[in-house]
PDB file of N, CA and C in Angstrom:
ATOM      1  N   UNK A   1     -11.922   8.536  -1.037  1.00  0.00           N
ATOM      2  CA  UNK A   1     -10.926   9.316  -0.331  1.00  0.00           C
ATOM      3  C   UNK A   1     -10.865   8.871   1.122  1.00  0.00           C
ATOM      4  N   UNK A   2      -9.698   8.975   1.702  1.00  0.00           N
ATOM      5  CA  UNK A   2      -9.506   8.543   3.080  1.00  0.00           C
ATOM      6  C   UNK A   2      -8.607   9.527   3.807  1.00  0.00           C
ATOM      7  N   UNK A   3      -8.755   9.570   5.122  1.00  0.00           N
ATOM      8  CA  UNK A   3      -7.904  10.387   5.980  1.00  0.00           C
ATOM      9  C   UNK A   3      -7.414   9.512   7.122  1.00  0.00           C
ATOM     10  N   UNK A   4      -6.132   9.626   7.427  1.00  0.00           N
ATOM     11  CA  UNK A   4      -5.548   8.888   8.538  1.00  0.00           C
ATOM     12  C   UNK A   4      -5.407   9.839   9.716  1.00  0.00           C
ATOM     13  N   UNK A   5      -5.836   9.424  10.878  1.00  0.00           N
ATOM     14  CA  UNK A   5      -5.724  10.237  12.085  1.00  0.00           C
ATOM     15  C   UNK A   5      -4.766   9.581  13.064  1.00  0.00           C
ATOM     16  N   UNK A   6      -3.482   9.512  12.679  1.00  0.00           N
ATOM     17  CA  UNK A   6      -2.496   8.872  13.534  1.00  0.00           C
ATOM     18  C   UNK A   6      -1.123   9.440  13.263  1.00  0.00           C
ATOM     19  N   UNK A   7      -0.441  10.087  14.063  1.00  0.00           N
ATOM     20  CA  UNK A   7      -0.896  10.715  15.303  1.00  0.00           C
ATOM     21  C   UNK A   7      -1.616  12.034  15.033  1.00  0.00           C
ATOM     22  N   UNK A   8      -1.524  12.529  13.802  1.00  0.00           N
ATOM     23  CA  UNK A   8      -2.274  13.722  13.429  1.00  0.00           C
ATOM     24  C   UNK A   8      -2.970  13.440  12.103  1.00  0.00           C
ATOM     25  N   UNK A   9      -3.874  14.307  11.727  1.00  0.00           N
ATOM     26  CA  UNK A   9      -4.665  14.104  10.526  1.00  0.00           C
ATOM     27  C   UNK A   9      -3.808  14.248   9.274  1.00  0.00           C
ATOM     28  N   UNK A  10      -3.893  13.275   8.388  1.00  0.00           N
ATOM     29  CA  UNK A  10      -3.171  13.290   7.120  1.00  0.00           C
ATOM     30  C   UNK A  10      -4.108  12.785   6.030  1.00  0.00           C
ATOM     31  N   UNK A  11      -4.421  13.625   5.044  1.00  0.00           N
ATOM     32  CA  UNK A  11      -5.273  13.139   3.952  1.00  0.00           C
ATOM     33  C   UNK A  11      -4.512  12.103   3.124  1.00  0.00           C
ATOM     34  N   UNK A  12      -5.121  10.952   2.920  1.00  0.00           N
ATOM     35  CA  UNK A  12      -4.467   9.882   2.175  1.00  0.00           C
ATOM     36  C   UNK A  12      -4.773   9.926   0.685  1.00  0.00           C
ATOM     37  N   UNK A  13      -5.877  10.561   0.302  1.00  0.00           N
ATOM     38  CA  UNK A  13      -6.211  10.673  -1.110  1.00  0.00           C
ATOM     39  C   UNK A  13      -7.055   9.520  -1.605  1.00  0.00           C
ATOM     40  N   UNK A  14      -6.935   9.251  -2.919  1.00  0.00           N
ATOM     41  CA  UNK A  14      -7.765   8.245  -3.572  1.00  0.00           C
ATOM     42  C   UNK A  14      -6.911   7.110  -4.115  1.00  0.00           C
ATOM     43  N   UNK A  15      -7.476   5.912  -4.044  1.00  0.00           N
ATOM     44  CA  UNK A  15      -6.790   4.710  -4.497  1.00  0.00           C
ATOM     45  C   UNK A  15      -7.768   3.870  -5.307  1.00  0.00           C
ATOM     46  N   UNK A  16      -7.241   3.027  -6.174  1.00  0.00           N
ATOM     47  CA  UNK A  16      -8.079   2.128  -6.966  1.00  0.00           C
ATOM     48  C   UNK A  16      -7.592   0.705  -6.791  1.00  0.00           C
ATOM     49  N   UNK A  17      -8.545  -0.229  -6.844  1.00  0.00           N
ATOM     50  CA  UNK A  17      -8.212  -1.646  -6.765  1.00  0.00           C
ATOM     51  C   UNK A  17      -8.931  -2.349  -7.909  1.00  0.00           C
ATOM     52  N   UNK A  18      -8.168  -3.089  -8.713  1.00  0.00           N
ATOM     53  CA  UNK A  18      -8.774  -3.913  -9.755  1.00  0.00           C
ATOM     54  C   UNK A  18      -8.728  -5.362  -9.287  1.00  0.00           C
ATOM     55  N   UNK A  19      -9.847  -6.050  -9.437  1.00  0.00           N
ATOM     56  CA  UNK A  19      -9.999  -7.429  -8.965  1.00  0.00           C
ATOM     57  C   UNK A  19     -10.226  -8.368 -10.139  1.00  0.00           C
ATOM     58  N   UNK A  20      -9.689  -9.576 -10.031  1.00  0.00           N
ATOM     59  CA  UNK A  20      -9.970 -10.608 -11.034  1.00  0.00           C
ATOM     60  C   UNK A  20      -9.826 -11.970 -10.371  1.00  0.00           C
ATOM     61  N   UNK A  21     -10.490 -12.971 -10.927  1.00  0.00           N
ATOM     62  CA  UNK A  21     -10.345 -14.322 -10.384  1.00  0.00           C
ATOM     63  C   UNK A  21      -8.902 -14.807 -10.576  1.00  0.00           C
ATOM     64  N   UNK A  22      -8.377 -15.485  -9.572  1.00  0.00           N
ATOM     65  CA  UNK A  22      -7.039 -16.075  -9.667  1.00  0.00           C
ATOM     66  C   UNK A  22      -7.132 -17.399 -10.415  1.00  0.00           C
ATOM     67  N   UNK A  23      -6.116 -17.730 -11.221  1.00  0.00           N
ATOM     68  CA  UNK A  23      -6.172 -18.989 -11.981  1.00  0.00           C
ATOM     69  C   UNK A  23      -6.370 -20.228 -11.110  1.00  0.00           C
ATOM     70  N   UNK A  24      -5.785 -20.253  -9.923  1.00  0.00           N
ATOM     71  CA  UNK A  24      -5.892 -21.421  -9.040  1.00  0.00           C
ATOM     72  C   UNK A  24      -7.041 -21.284  -8.036  1.00  0.00           C
ATOM     73  N   UNK A  25      -7.919 -20.312  -8.238  1.00  0.00           N
ATOM     74  CA  UNK A  25      -9.005 -20.060  -7.306  1.00  0.00           C
ATOM     75  C   UNK A  25      -8.674 -18.869  -6.429  1.00  0.00           C
ATOM     76  N   UNK A  26      -9.663 -18.265  -5.852  1.00  0.00           N
ATOM     77  CA  UNK A  26      -9.455 -17.066  -5.039  1.00  0.00           C
ATOM     78  C   UNK A  26      -9.525 -15.807  -5.895  1.00  0.00           C
ATOM     79  N   UNK A  27      -8.892 -14.754  -5.414  1.00  0.00           N
ATOM     80  CA  UNK A  27      -8.971 -13.431  -6.057  1.00  0.00           C
ATOM     81  C   UNK A  27      -7.585 -12.825  -6.114  1.00  0.00           C
ATOM     82  N   UNK A  28      -7.287 -12.151  -7.212  1.00  0.00           N
ATOM     83  CA  UNK A  28      -6.074 -11.347  -7.342  1.00  0.00           C
ATOM     84  C   UNK A  28      -6.489  -9.896  -7.490  1.00  0.00           C
ATOM     85  N   UNK A  29      -5.685  -8.998  -6.929  1.00  0.00           N
ATOM     86  CA  UNK A  29      -5.997  -7.571  -7.013  1.00  0.00           C
ATOM     87  C   UNK A  29      -4.719  -6.776  -7.207  1.00  0.00           C
ATOM     88  N   UNK A  30      -4.842  -5.665  -7.912  1.00  0.00           N
ATOM     89  CA  UNK A  30      -3.761  -4.688  -8.002  1.00  0.00           C
ATOM     90  C   UNK A  30      -4.300  -3.402  -7.384  1.00  0.00           C
ATOM     91  N   UNK A  31      -3.511  -2.787  -6.528  1.00  0.00           N
ATOM     92  CA  UNK A  31      -3.912  -1.566  -5.830  1.00  0.00           C
ATOM     93  C   UNK A  31      -2.917  -0.471  -6.189  1.00  0.00           C
ATOM     94  N   UNK A  32      -3.423   0.690  -6.547  1.00  0.00           N
ATOM     95  CA  UNK A  32      -2.558   1.814  -6.878  1.00  0.00           C
ATOM     96  C   UNK A  32      -3.186   3.123  -6.476  1.00  0.00           C
ATOM     97  N   UNK A  33      -2.344   4.136  -6.344  1.00  0.00           N
ATOM     98  CA  UNK A  33      -2.855   5.461  -5.982  1.00  0.00           C
ATOM     99  C   UNK A  33      -3.411   6.147  -7.217  1.00  0.00           C
ATOM    100  N   UNK A  34      -4.434   6.968  -7.017  1.00  0.00           N
ATOM    101  CA  UNK A  34      -4.994   7.800  -8.079  1.00  0.00           C
ATOM    102  C   UNK A  34      -4.581   9.255  -7.876  1.00  0.00           C
ATOM    103  N   UNK A  35      -4.819   9.731  -6.672  1.00  0.00           N
ATOM    104  CA  UNK A  35      -4.472  11.099  -6.299  1.00  0.00           C
ATOM    105  C   UNK A  35      -4.195  11.076  -4.808  1.00  0.00           C
ATOM    106  N   UNK A  36      -2.922  11.136  -4.441  1.00  0.00           N
ATOM    107  CA  UNK A  36      -2.545  10.930  -3.054  1.00  0.00           C
ATOM    108  C   UNK A  36      -1.151  11.486  -2.801  1.00  0.00           C
ATOM    109  N   UNK A  37      -0.851  11.860  -1.555  1.00  0.00           N
ATOM    110  CA  UNK A  37       0.527  12.203  -1.215  1.00  0.00           C
ATOM    111  C   UNK A  37       1.411  10.953  -1.151  1.00  0.00           C
ATOM    112  N   UNK A  38       0.785   9.768  -1.227  1.00  0.00           N
ATOM    113  CA  UNK A  38       1.504   8.494  -1.211  1.00  0.00           C
ATOM    114  C   UNK A  38       1.541   7.905  -2.612  1.00  0.00           C
ATOM    115  N   UNK A  39       2.677   7.360  -2.995  1.00  0.00           N
ATOM    116  CA  UNK A  39       2.766   6.558  -4.213  1.00  0.00           C
ATOM    117  C   UNK A  39       2.674   5.107  -3.767  1.00  0.00           C
ATOM    118  N   UNK A  40       1.659   4.410  -4.257  1.00  0.00           N
ATOM    119  CA  UNK A  40       1.429   3.028  -3.852  1.00  0.00           C
ATOM    120  C   UNK A  40       1.237   2.168  -5.090  1.00  0.00           C
ATOM    121  N   UNK A  41       1.959   1.076  -5.151  1.00  0.00           N
ATOM    122  CA  UNK A  41       1.753   0.024  -6.137  1.00  0.00           C
ATOM    123  C   UNK A  41       1.824  -1.281  -5.359  1.00  0.00           C
ATOM    124  N   UNK A  42       0.740  -2.040  -5.370  1.00  0.00           N
ATOM    125  CA  UNK A  42       0.702  -3.263  -4.565  1.00  0.00           C
ATOM    126  C   UNK A  42      -0.122  -4.337  -5.260  1.00  0.00           C
ATOM    127  N   UNK A  43       0.191  -5.572  -4.941  1.00  0.00           N
ATOM    128  CA  UNK A  43      -0.566  -6.719  -5.419  1.00  0.00           C
ATOM    129  C   UNK A  43      -1.065  -7.498  -4.212  1.00  0.00           C
ATOM    130  N   UNK A  44      -2.296  -7.964  -4.317  1.00  0.00           N
ATOM    131  CA  UNK A  44      -2.942  -8.708  -3.244  1.00  0.00           C
ATOM    132  C   UNK A  44      -3.511  -9.988  -3.827  1.00  0.00           C
ATOM    133  N   UNK A  45      -3.284 -11.095  -3.158  1.00  0.00           N
ATOM    134  CA  UNK A  45      -3.953 -12.341  -3.540  1.00  0.00           C
ATOM    135  C   UNK A  45      -4.666 -12.897  -2.311  1.00  0.00           C
ATOM    136  N   UNK A  46      -5.895 -13.309  -2.533  1.00  0.00           N
ATOM    137  CA  UNK A  46      -6.722 -13.913  -1.497  1.00  0.00           C
ATOM    138  C   UNK A  46      -7.037 -15.332  -1.952  1.00  0.00           C
ATOM    139  N   UNK A  47      -6.536 -16.311  -1.229  1.00  0.00           N
ATOM    140  CA  UNK A  47      -6.758 -17.707  -1.589  1.00  0.00           C
ATOM    141  C   UNK A  47      -8.129 -18.186  -1.152  1.00  0.00           C
ATOM    142  N   UNK A  48      -8.637 -19.185  -1.835  1.00  0.00           N
ATOM    143  CA  UNK A  48      -9.962 -19.712  -1.504  1.00  0.00           C
ATOM    144  C   UNK A  48      -9.975 -20.381  -0.131  1.00  0.00           C
ATOM    145  N   UNK A  49      -8.814 -20.739   0.395  1.00  0.00           N
ATOM    146  CA  UNK A  49      -8.735 -21.348   1.723  1.00  0.00           C
ATOM    147  C   UNK A  49      -8.477 -20.356   2.843  1.00  0.00           C
ATOM    148  N   UNK A  50      -8.532 -19.058   2.546  1.00  0.00           N
ATOM    149  CA  UNK A  50      -8.350 -18.042   3.578  1.00  0.00           C
ATOM    150  C   UNK A  50      -6.942 -17.471   3.669  1.00  0.00           C
ATOM    151  N   UNK A  51      -6.077 -17.795   2.734  1.00  0.00           N
ATOM    152  CA  UNK A  51      -4.728 -17.227   2.758  1.00  0.00           C
ATOM    153  C   UNK A  51      -4.722 -15.862   2.065  1.00  0.00           C
ATOM    154  N   UNK A  52      -3.762 -15.041   2.442  1.00  0.00           N
ATOM    155  CA  UNK A  52      -3.585 -13.752   1.769  1.00  0.00           C
ATOM    156  C   UNK A  52      -2.096 -13.475   1.589  1.00  0.00           C
ATOM    157  N   UNK A  53      -1.792 -12.685   0.559  1.00  0.00           N
ATOM    158  CA  UNK A  53      -0.428 -12.216   0.321  1.00  0.00           C
ATOM    159  C   UNK A  53      -0.539 -10.808  -0.258  1.00  0.00           C
ATOM    160  N   UNK A  54       0.053  -9.841   0.427  1.00  0.00           N
ATOM    161  CA  UNK A  54       0.050  -8.441   0.010  1.00  0.00           C
ATOM    162  C   UNK A  54       1.494  -7.987  -0.081  1.00  0.00           C
ATOM    163  N   UNK A  55       1.898  -7.497  -1.239  1.00  0.00           N
ATOM    164  CA  UNK A  55       3.261  -7.000  -1.404  1.00  0.00           C
ATOM    165  C   UNK A  55       3.241  -5.773  -2.297  1.00  0.00           C
ATOM    166  N   UNK A  56       4.221  -4.894  -2.094  1.00  0.00           N
ATOM    167  CA  UNK A  56       4.271  -3.712  -2.928  1.00  0.00           C
ATOM    168  C   UNK A  56       5.305  -2.706  -2.477  1.00  0.00           C
ATOM    169  N   UNK A  57       5.159  -1.522  -3.041  1.00  0.00           N
ATOM    170  CA  UNK A  57       6.051  -0.393  -2.776  1.00  0.00           C
ATOM    171  C   UNK A  57       5.228   0.810  -2.364  1.00  0.00           C
ATOM    172  N   UNK A  58       5.734   1.546  -1.390  1.00  0.00           N
ATOM    173  CA  UNK A  58       5.062   2.730  -0.865  1.00  0.00           C
ATOM    174  C   UNK A  58       6.109   3.817  -0.680  1.00  0.00           C
ATOM    175  N   UNK A  59       5.798   5.022  -1.129  1.00  0.00           N
ATOM    176  CA  UNK A  59       6.722   6.144  -0.955  1.00  0.00           C
ATOM    177  C   UNK A  59       5.942   7.445  -0.943  1.00  0.00           C
ATOM    178  N   UNK A  60       6.618   8.517  -0.553  1.00  0.00           N
ATOM    179  CA  UNK A  60       6.021   9.854  -0.626  1.00  0.00           C
ATOM    180  C   UNK A  60       6.069  10.312  -2.082  1.00  0.00           C
ATOM    181  N   UNK A  61       4.974  10.845  -2.577  1.00  0.00           N
ATOM    182  CA  UNK A  61       4.941  11.342  -3.953  1.00  0.00           C
ATOM    183  C   UNK A  61       5.936  12.482  -4.130  1.00  0.00           C
ATOM    184  N   UNK A  62       5.992  13.355  -3.152  1.00  0.00           N
ATOM    185  CA  UNK A  62       6.894  14.511  -3.183  1.00  0.00           C
ATOM    186  C   UNK A  62       7.979  14.279  -2.138  1.00  0.00           C
ATOM    187  N   UNK A  63       9.213  14.162  -2.587  1.00  0.00           N
ATOM    188  CA  UNK A  63      10.325  13.893  -1.659  1.00  0.00           C
ATOM    189  C   UNK A  63      10.470  14.997  -0.613  1.00  0.00           C
ATOM    190  N   UNK A  64       9.965  16.191  -0.879  1.00  0.00           N
ATOM    191  CA  UNK A  64      10.038  17.292   0.071  1.00  0.00           C
ATOM    192  C   UNK A  64       8.894  17.320   1.073  1.00  0.00           C
ATOM    193  N   UNK A  65       7.945  16.383   0.964  1.00  0.00           N
ATOM    194  CA  UNK A  65       6.784  16.321   1.860  1.00  0.00           C
ATOM    195  C   UNK A  65       7.199  15.625   3.160  1.00  0.00           C
ATOM    196  N   UNK A  66       7.652  16.407   4.117  1.00  0.00           N
ATOM    197  CA  UNK A  66       8.165  15.832   5.366  1.00  0.00           C
ATOM    198  C   UNK A  66       7.074  15.160   6.193  1.00  0.00           C
ATOM    199  N   UNK A  67       5.840  15.643   6.113  1.00  0.00           N
ATOM    200  CA  UNK A  67       4.753  15.022   6.876  1.00  0.00           C
ATOM    201  C   UNK A  67       4.548  13.579   6.427  1.00  0.00           C
ATOM    202  N   UNK A  68       4.485  13.368   5.130  1.00  0.00           N
ATOM    203  CA  UNK A  68       4.294  12.021   4.602  1.00  0.00           C
ATOM    204  C   UNK A  68       5.529  11.162   4.843  1.00  0.00           C
ATOM    205  N   UNK A  69       6.706  11.714   4.640  1.00  0.00           N
ATOM    206  CA  UNK A  69       7.928  10.957   4.876  1.00  0.00           C
ATOM    207  C   UNK A  69       8.050  10.549   6.342  1.00  0.00           C
ATOM    208  N   UNK A  70       7.656  11.450   7.264  1.00  0.00           N
ATOM    209  CA  UNK A  70       7.685  11.112   8.690  1.00  0.00           C
ATOM    210  C   UNK A  70       6.719   9.970   9.005  1.00  0.00           C
ATOM    211  N   UNK A  71       5.544   9.991   8.391  1.00  0.00           N
ATOM    212  CA  UNK A  71       4.582   8.910   8.583  1.00  0.00           C
ATOM    213  C   UNK A  71       5.167   7.590   8.084  1.00  0.00           C
ATOM    214  N   UNK A  72       5.754   7.608   6.903  1.00  0.00           N
ATOM    215  CA  UNK A  72       6.320   6.398   6.321  1.00  0.00           C
ATOM    216  C   UNK A  72       7.527   5.892   7.105  1.00  0.00           C
ATOM    217  N   UNK A  73       8.216   6.769   7.812  1.00  0.00           N
ATOM    218  CA  UNK A  73       9.377   6.364   8.607  1.00  0.00           C
ATOM    219  C   UNK A  73       8.975   5.343   9.673  1.00  0.00           C
ATOM    220  N   UNK A  74       7.703   5.323  10.053  1.00  0.00           N
ATOM    221  CA  UNK A  74       7.219   4.330  11.015  1.00  0.00           C
ATOM    222  C   UNK A  74       7.255   2.918  10.451  1.00  0.00           C
ATOM    223  N   UNK A  75       7.382   2.797   9.130  1.00  0.00           N
ATOM    224  CA  UNK A  75       7.475   1.483   8.495  1.00  0.00           C
ATOM    225  C   UNK A  75       8.895   0.946   8.493  1.00  0.00           C
ATOM    226  N   UNK A  76       9.839   1.780   8.903  1.00  0.00           N
ATOM    227  CA  UNK A  76      11.250   1.404   8.865  1.00  0.00           C
ATOM    228  C   UNK A  76      11.960   2.223   7.802  1.00  0.00           C
ATOM    229  N   UNK A  77      13.235   1.972   7.613  1.00  0.00           N
ATOM    230  CA  UNK A  77      14.005   2.774   6.664  1.00  0.00           C
ATOM    231  C   UNK A  77      13.597   2.505   5.220  1.00  0.00           C
ATOM    232  N   UNK A  78      13.659   3.552   4.411  1.00  0.00           N
ATOM    233  CA  UNK A  78      13.384   3.427   2.979  1.00  0.00           C
ATOM    234  C   UNK A  78      14.640   2.916   2.272  1.00  0.00           C
ATOM    235  N   UNK A  79      14.460   2.410   1.061  1.00  0.00           N
ATOM    236  CA  UNK A  79      15.627   2.005   0.278  1.00  0.00           C
ATOM    237  C   UNK A  79      16.287   3.235  -0.335  1.00  0.00           C
ATOM    238  N   UNK A  80      17.283   3.052  -1.157  1.00  0.00           N
ATOM    239  CA  UNK A  80      18.044   4.171  -1.717  1.00  0.00           C
ATOM    240  C   UNK A  80      17.215   5.046  -2.651  1.00  0.00           C
ATOM    241  N   UNK A  81      16.058   4.551  -3.112  1.00  0.00           N
ATOM    242  CA  UNK A  81      15.188   5.349  -3.986  1.00  0.00           C
ATOM    243  C   UNK A  81      14.055   6.017  -3.207  1.00  0.00           C
ATOM    244  N   UNK A  82      14.045   5.825  -1.882  1.00  0.00           N
ATOM    245  CA  UNK A  82      13.001   6.424  -1.050  1.00  0.00           C
ATOM    246  C   UNK A  82      11.752   5.580  -0.930  1.00  0.00           C
ATOM    247  N   UNK A  83      11.793   4.343  -1.416  1.00  0.00           N
ATOM    248  CA  UNK A  83      10.623   3.475  -1.370  1.00  0.00           C
ATOM    249  C   UNK A  83      10.688   2.517  -0.187  1.00  0.00           C
ATOM    250  N   UNK A  84       9.504   2.216   0.334  1.00  0.00           N
ATOM    251  CA  UNK A  84       9.351   1.233   1.404  1.00  0.00           C
ATOM    252  C   UNK A  84       8.736  -0.015   0.778  1.00  0.00           C
ATOM    253  N   UNK A  85       9.448  -1.117   0.842  1.00  0.00           N
ATOM    254  CA  UNK A  85       8.953  -2.393   0.336  1.00  0.00           C
ATOM    255  C   UNK A  85       8.181  -3.078   1.465  1.00  0.00           C
ATOM    256  N   UNK A  86       7.083  -3.698   1.115  1.00  0.00           N
ATOM    257  CA  UNK A  86       6.368  -4.488   2.111  1.00  0.00           C
ATOM    258  C   UNK A  86       5.922  -5.808   1.500  1.00  0.00           C
ATOM    259  N   UNK A  87       5.847  -6.814   2.333  1.00  0.00           N
ATOM    260  CA  UNK A  87       5.467  -8.156   1.907  1.00  0.00           C
ATOM    261  C   UNK A  87       4.850  -8.860   3.117  1.00  0.00           C
ATOM    262  N   UNK A  88       3.541  -9.014   3.094  1.00  0.00           N
ATOM    263  CA  UNK A  88       2.802  -9.594   4.215  1.00  0.00           C
ATOM    264  C   UNK A  88       1.999 -10.785   3.721  1.00  0.00           C
ATOM    265  N   UNK A  89       1.989 -11.839   4.494  1.00  0.00           N
ATOM    266  CA  UNK A  89       1.163 -12.990   4.129  1.00  0.00           C
ATOM    267  C   UNK A  89       0.702 -13.687   5.399  1.00  0.00           C
ATOM    268  N   UNK A  90      -0.356 -14.447   5.250  1.00  0.00           N
ATOM    269  CA  UNK A  90      -0.905 -15.165   6.387  1.00  0.00           C
ATOM    270  C   UNK A  90      -2.236 -15.797   6.076  1.00  0.00           C
ATOM    271  N   UNK A  91      -2.967 -16.134   7.103  1.00  0.00           N
ATOM    272  CA  UNK A  91      -4.286 -16.731   7.052  1.00  0.00           C
ATOM    273  C   UNK A  91      -5.266 -15.781   7.707  1.00  0.00           C
ATOM    274  N   UNK A  92      -6.467 -15.709   7.203  1.00  0.00           N
ATOM    275  CA  UNK A  92      -7.503 -14.901   7.835  1.00  0.00           C
ATOM    276  C   UNK A  92      -8.718 -15.730   8.111  1.00  0.00           C
TER     277      UNK A  92
END
């Protein structure tokens, strides 16, 4: 379980990550919510040379939860279904 303290306290809930070796080397992971005010489905790949790629969808579980929706608004506008798409990659 996790709590975010920005700008106010918000319980984030529980998440799970499944890991497996990537066919070309490195690690692949799927991340999802278990019990959270956030709906999260994401995929992460970590390359053996230090590259990463994280992409997925994030939304408020309850469309009426204004606290969570306000937090997510910091990510930019949601799509027509209320989901925030993200796609990050780089070197670490």
